[in-house]
N, C-alpha and C. Protein backbone atom coordinates (compact mmCIF):
# COMPACT_ATOMS: atom_id res chain seq x y z
N UNK A 1 0.86 -1.17 0.00
CA UNK A 1 0.00 0.00 0.00
C UNK A 1 0.90 1.23 0.00
N UNK A 2 0.61 2.16 -0.90
CA UNK A 2 1.44 3.36 -0.98
C UNK A 2 1.26 4.23 0.26
N UNK A 3 2.23 5.07 0.50
CA UNK A 3 2.21 5.92 1.70
C UNK A 3 1.01 6.87 1.70
N UNK A 4 0.69 7.48 0.55
CA UNK A 4 -0.44 8.41 0.51
C UNK A 4 -1.76 7.68 0.74
N UNK A 5 -1.89 6.48 0.20
CA UNK A 5 -3.10 5.69 0.42
C UNK A 5 -3.21 5.31 1.89
N UNK A 6 -2.09 4.95 2.48
CA UNK A 6 -2.06 4.61 3.91
C UNK A 6 -2.51 5.80 4.74
N UNK A 7 -2.03 6.99 4.40
CA UNK A 7 -2.42 8.20 5.13
C UNK A 7 -3.90 8.48 4.98
N UNK A 8 -4.45 8.24 3.80
CA UNK A 8 -5.89 8.43 3.60
C UNK A 8 -6.69 7.45 4.44
N UNK A 9 -6.25 6.20 4.50
CA UNK A 9 -6.94 5.19 5.30
C UNK A 9 -6.90 5.56 6.77
N UNK A 10 -5.74 5.97 7.25
CA UNK A 10 -5.60 6.37 8.65
C UNK A 10 -6.51 7.55 8.96
N UNK A 11 -6.58 8.51 8.06
CA UNK A 11 -7.43 9.68 8.25
C UNK A 11 -8.91 9.27 8.32
N UNK A 12 -9.34 8.42 7.40
CA UNK A 12 -10.73 7.93 7.42
C UNK A 12 -11.03 7.20 8.72
N UNK A 13 -10.12 6.33 9.12
CA UNK A 13 -10.35 5.56 10.34
C UNK A 13 -10.43 6.44 11.58
N UNK A 14 -9.58 7.46 11.66
CA UNK A 14 -9.63 8.38 12.79
C UNK A 14 -10.96 9.11 12.85
N UNK A 15 -11.43 9.56 11.69
CA UNK A 15 -12.71 10.27 11.63
C UNK A 15 -13.85 9.34 12.07
N UNK A 16 -13.87 8.14 11.52
CA UNK A 16 -14.93 7.19 11.86
C UNK A 16 -14.89 6.85 13.35
N UNK A 17 -13.71 6.63 13.87
CA UNK A 17 -13.58 6.30 15.30
C UNK A 17 -14.09 7.43 16.17
N UNK A 18 -13.77 8.68 15.80
CA UNK A 18 -14.24 9.83 16.58
C UNK A 18 -15.77 9.94 16.53
N UNK A 19 -16.33 9.76 15.35
CA UNK A 19 -17.79 9.83 15.22
C UNK A 19 -18.46 8.74 16.05
N UNK A 20 -17.92 7.53 16.02
CA UNK A 20 -18.49 6.44 16.80
C UNK A 20 -18.34 6.68 18.30
N UNK A 21 -17.23 7.25 18.71
CA UNK A 21 -17.05 7.57 20.13
C UNK A 21 -18.09 8.58 20.59
N UNK A 22 -18.35 9.60 19.75
CA UNK A 22 -19.36 10.60 20.11
C UNK A 22 -20.74 9.98 20.21
N UNK A 23 -21.07 9.08 19.28
CA UNK A 23 -22.36 8.40 19.33
C UNK A 23 -22.46 7.55 20.59
N UNK A 24 -21.41 6.82 20.90
CA UNK A 24 -21.40 5.97 22.08
C UNK A 24 -21.56 6.80 23.35
N UNK A 25 -20.86 7.92 23.41
CA UNK A 25 -20.95 8.79 24.58
C UNK A 25 -22.38 9.29 24.77
N UNK A 26 -23.04 9.64 23.67
CA UNK A 26 -24.43 10.08 23.75
C UNK A 26 -25.35 9.01 24.27
N UNK A 27 -25.11 7.77 23.84
CA UNK A 27 -25.92 6.65 24.32
C UNK A 27 -25.67 6.43 25.81
N UNK A 28 -24.41 6.45 26.21
CA UNK A 28 -24.08 6.17 27.60
C UNK A 28 -24.53 7.29 28.54
N UNK A 29 -24.33 8.54 28.14
CA UNK A 29 -24.67 9.67 29.01
C UNK A 29 -26.16 9.95 29.06
N UNK A 30 -26.79 9.98 27.89
CA UNK A 30 -28.17 10.43 27.80
C UNK A 30 -29.16 9.30 27.54
N UNK A 31 -28.67 8.14 27.16
CA UNK A 31 -29.55 7.04 26.82
C UNK A 31 -30.28 7.25 25.51
N UNK A 32 -29.76 8.15 24.67
CA UNK A 32 -30.40 8.46 23.39
C UNK A 32 -29.64 7.81 22.25
N UNK A 33 -30.39 7.25 21.33
CA UNK A 33 -29.76 6.70 20.14
C UNK A 33 -29.40 7.83 19.19
N UNK A 34 -28.34 7.65 18.40
CA UNK A 34 -27.97 8.70 17.44
C UNK A 34 -29.05 8.86 16.38
N UNK A 35 -29.09 10.03 15.78
CA UNK A 35 -30.05 10.27 14.70
C UNK A 35 -29.64 9.45 13.48
N UNK A 36 -30.63 9.12 12.68
CA UNK A 36 -30.36 8.27 11.52
C UNK A 36 -29.36 8.92 10.56
N UNK A 37 -29.40 10.24 10.45
CA UNK A 37 -28.45 10.93 9.57
C UNK A 37 -27.02 10.77 10.03
N UNK A 38 -26.81 10.75 11.34
CA UNK A 38 -25.46 10.55 11.87
C UNK A 38 -24.95 9.16 11.51
N UNK A 39 -25.82 8.17 11.68
CA UNK A 39 -25.43 6.80 11.36
C UNK A 39 -25.15 6.66 9.88
N UNK A 40 -26.01 7.25 9.05
CA UNK A 40 -25.79 7.19 7.60
C UNK A 40 -24.47 7.85 7.22
N UNK A 41 -24.12 8.93 7.89
CA UNK A 41 -22.86 9.62 7.60
C UNK A 41 -21.66 8.75 7.89
N UNK A 42 -21.69 8.06 9.02
CA UNK A 42 -20.57 7.17 9.37
C UNK A 42 -20.53 5.99 8.40
N UNK A 43 -21.69 5.47 8.05
CA UNK A 43 -21.71 4.36 7.09
C UNK A 43 -21.17 4.80 5.74
N UNK A 44 -21.46 6.03 5.32
CA UNK A 44 -20.92 6.55 4.07
C UNK A 44 -19.40 6.65 4.13
N UNK A 45 -18.88 7.07 5.28
CA UNK A 45 -17.43 7.13 5.45
C UNK A 45 -16.82 5.74 5.38
N UNK A 46 -17.50 4.75 5.96
CA UNK A 46 -17.00 3.38 5.91
C UNK A 46 -17.03 2.85 4.48
N UNK A 47 -18.08 3.19 3.72
CA UNK A 47 -18.15 2.79 2.32
C UNK A 47 -17.01 3.43 1.52
N UNK A 48 -16.74 4.71 1.78
CA UNK A 48 -15.64 5.39 1.09
C UNK A 48 -14.31 4.74 1.41
N UNK A 49 -14.12 4.35 2.64
CA UNK A 49 -12.89 3.67 3.04
C UNK A 49 -12.78 2.33 2.35
N UNK A 50 -13.87 1.59 2.28
CA UNK A 50 -13.86 0.30 1.62
C UNK A 50 -13.52 0.46 0.14
N UNK A 51 -14.10 1.46 -0.51
CA UNK A 51 -13.79 1.71 -1.92
C UNK A 51 -12.32 2.08 -2.11
N UNK A 52 -11.79 2.85 -1.18
CA UNK A 52 -10.39 3.24 -1.26
C UNK A 52 -9.48 2.02 -1.15
N UNK A 53 -9.84 1.11 -0.26
CA UNK A 53 -9.02 -0.07 -0.04
C UNK A 53 -9.15 -1.10 -1.16
N UNK A 54 -10.38 -1.30 -1.65
CA UNK A 54 -10.60 -2.36 -2.63
C UNK A 54 -10.61 -1.86 -4.06
N UNK A 55 -10.88 -0.59 -4.25
CA UNK A 55 -11.05 -0.08 -5.61
C UNK A 55 -12.47 -0.35 -6.06
N UNK A 56 -12.85 0.27 -7.16
CA UNK A 56 -14.23 0.16 -7.65
C UNK A 56 -14.59 -1.28 -8.01
N UNK A 57 -13.70 -2.01 -8.67
CA UNK A 57 -14.03 -3.37 -9.10
C UNK A 57 -14.17 -4.31 -7.91
N UNK A 58 -13.33 -4.14 -6.92
CA UNK A 58 -13.42 -4.96 -5.73
C UNK A 58 -14.69 -4.72 -4.96
N UNK A 59 -15.15 -3.50 -4.95
CA UNK A 59 -16.39 -3.11 -4.27
C UNK A 59 -17.59 -3.77 -4.93
N UNK A 60 -17.62 -3.76 -6.26
CA UNK A 60 -18.74 -4.37 -6.98
C UNK A 60 -18.76 -5.87 -6.74
N UNK A 61 -17.61 -6.52 -6.71
CA UNK A 61 -17.54 -7.96 -6.46
C UNK A 61 -18.02 -8.28 -5.05
N UNK A 62 -17.66 -7.46 -4.08
CA UNK A 62 -18.09 -7.68 -2.71
C UNK A 62 -19.60 -7.52 -2.58
N UNK A 63 -20.17 -6.53 -3.25
CA UNK A 63 -21.61 -6.31 -3.21
C UNK A 63 -22.35 -7.47 -3.86
N UNK A 64 -21.80 -8.00 -4.94
CA UNK A 64 -22.43 -9.11 -5.63
C UNK A 64 -22.40 -10.35 -4.75
N UNK A 65 -21.30 -10.61 -4.05
CA UNK A 65 -21.20 -11.74 -3.15
C UNK A 65 -22.17 -11.62 -1.99
N UNK A 66 -22.33 -10.42 -1.47
CA UNK A 66 -23.22 -10.19 -0.33
C UNK A 66 -24.67 -10.41 -0.70
N UNK A 67 -25.04 -10.11 -1.94
CA UNK A 67 -26.43 -10.28 -2.36
C UNK A 67 -26.77 -11.72 -2.70
N UNK A 68 -25.76 -12.57 -2.84
CA UNK A 68 -26.00 -13.98 -3.20
C UNK A 68 -26.50 -14.78 -2.03
């Protein structure tokens, strides 16, 4: 994995981890579930990370396997 790609992956993971920590803190402190938009945002970041790691063709193959 190239250095720039590695840096992008690390950046995505840090962002996702921070978002999940904030959601978890809200659940623990207030007993409230995160809003659906927040969850969708984190899922979109995870999808972007997966595309970065696998590339477009790898993503399509994974989606096809999951639907089988």
